Structure formats: structure tokens, C-alpha cells
Protein backbone atom coordinates (compact mmCIF):
# COMPACT_ATOMS: atom_id res chain seq x y z
CA GLY A 1 85.63 90.45 107.62
CA PHE A 2 88.01 88.34 110.14
CA SER A 3 91.40 88.64 112.72
CA SER A 4 93.12 86.06 112.43
CA LEU A 5 93.97 83.29 109.41
CA ASP A 6 94.46 79.85 110.60
CA PHE A 7 96.21 77.91 107.60
CA GLU A 8 96.30 74.24 108.51
CA THR A 9 99.66 72.88 106.64
CA ASN A 10 97.50 72.00 104.00
CA ASP A 11 96.17 75.26 102.46
CA LEU A 12 98.99 77.21 103.10
CA ILE A 13 100.14 78.54 99.40
CA LYS A 14 103.38 80.58 99.03
CA LYS A 15 103.53 84.26 99.48
CA ASP A 16 104.78 84.68 96.10
CA GLU A 17 101.71 83.22 94.83
CA LEU A 18 99.26 84.54 97.76
CA ALA A 19 98.63 87.96 94.84
CA SER A 20 97.34 85.64 91.90
CA CYS A 21 94.35 84.40 94.34
CA PHE A 22 93.26 88.56 94.59
CA PRO A 23 92.27 89.14 90.92
CA ASP A 24 91.47 92.41 91.07
CA PHE A 25 94.95 92.83 91.19
CA SER A 26 96.22 90.82 88.29
CA ASP A 27 95.84 94.15 86.00
CA TYR A 28 99.05 95.41 88.03
CA THR A 29 101.08 92.78 90.00
CA ASP A 30 103.01 91.75 86.21
CA GLN A 31 103.95 95.54 86.24
CA CYS A 32 106.13 96.50 89.16
CA LYS A 33 109.32 97.02 89.03
CA PHE A 34 110.31 94.16 90.49
CA SER A 35 110.19 91.16 89.59
CA THR A 36 110.91 89.38 93.70
CA CYS A 37 108.10 92.93 94.97
CA ALA A 38 105.66 91.68 97.82
CA HIS A 39 103.09 94.33 96.73
CA ILE A 40 103.00 95.30 100.53
CA ASN A 41 105.43 98.73 99.92
CA ASP A 42 107.68 98.23 97.86
CA LYS A 43 109.18 100.50 95.62
CA GLY A 44 107.81 100.85 92.36
CA CYS A 45 105.25 98.25 93.30
CA ARG A 46 102.24 99.42 90.84
CA LEU A 47 99.26 96.98 93.21
CA VAL A 48 100.41 100.22 95.90
CA GLU A 49 100.63 102.80 93.33
CA ALA A 50 96.66 101.76 92.34
CA VAL A 51 95.14 101.21 95.89
CA ASN A 52 96.48 105.20 97.01
CA ASP A 53 94.97 106.10 92.63
CA GLY A 54 91.90 103.81 94.22
CA VAL A 55 91.44 101.99 91.49
CA VAL A 56 92.05 99.14 93.97
CA ALA A 57 90.17 99.01 96.72
CA PRO A 58 92.26 99.65 100.28
CA SER A 59 90.36 97.23 102.19
CA ARG A 60 91.07 94.76 99.18
CA HIS A 61 95.09 95.10 99.93
CA GLU A 62 95.00 95.05 103.77
CA SER A 63 93.01 91.60 103.37
CA TYR A 64 96.07 90.92 101.28
CA VAL A 65 99.07 92.22 103.54
CA THR A 66 97.25 90.70 106.78
CA MET A 67 96.88 87.28 104.65
CA TYR A 68 100.83 87.84 103.52
CA ASN A 69 102.21 88.64 107.01
CA GLU A 70 101.15 84.77 108.12
CA VAL A 71 102.47 83.09 105.18
CA LYS A 72 105.78 85.28 104.37
CA ASP A 73 108.29 83.43 106.97
CA ILE A 74 107.38 80.05 106.07
CA LYS A 75 109.57 78.22 104.41
CA ASP A 76 109.39 76.15 100.41
CA TRP A 77 109.95 72.77 103.06
CA GLN A 78 107.26 73.72 105.38
CA LEU A 79 105.10 73.04 102.75
């Protein structure tokens, strides 16, 4: 586990590309109701449904949420 991420500027990833870093999410993230889904607690999110159904490990989703919160406010021009 980890408690904090400290990304170098050249190691940053866009928030909308983060889910692709989790291969076990790929069966669900393309099926969300909205194309702008953040996969956190969005309505119609198939990934959240898979976590709630026990198909995806909650710890994996928690890791994703932690990382997402680290990069969500980074603007494209900062990358």
C-alpha cells in the first residue's frame, strides 16, 4: 500500500487516461453510461457496479480513486 503519491512533472498522467493503467478495469470502463465518467461514484458507472458486485477488488478501485484525486486538478498545460 501507499499513503501518498509524489509525481514528478514528467511522470504525470491525465486523469482521463488513468483508468487505462488498470488493466482489470478495461472490461467495464468502456461500458459506462457517460463518456466523461470518472469511475469514482458517477451514475451509470459500470466499474463502480463491478466493485459493488464483487467482480473488481475494492482495494484496486481505492488505489485508483487515490491516484485520481492526486491528478484530477492538473491542467493539460502543466503536463
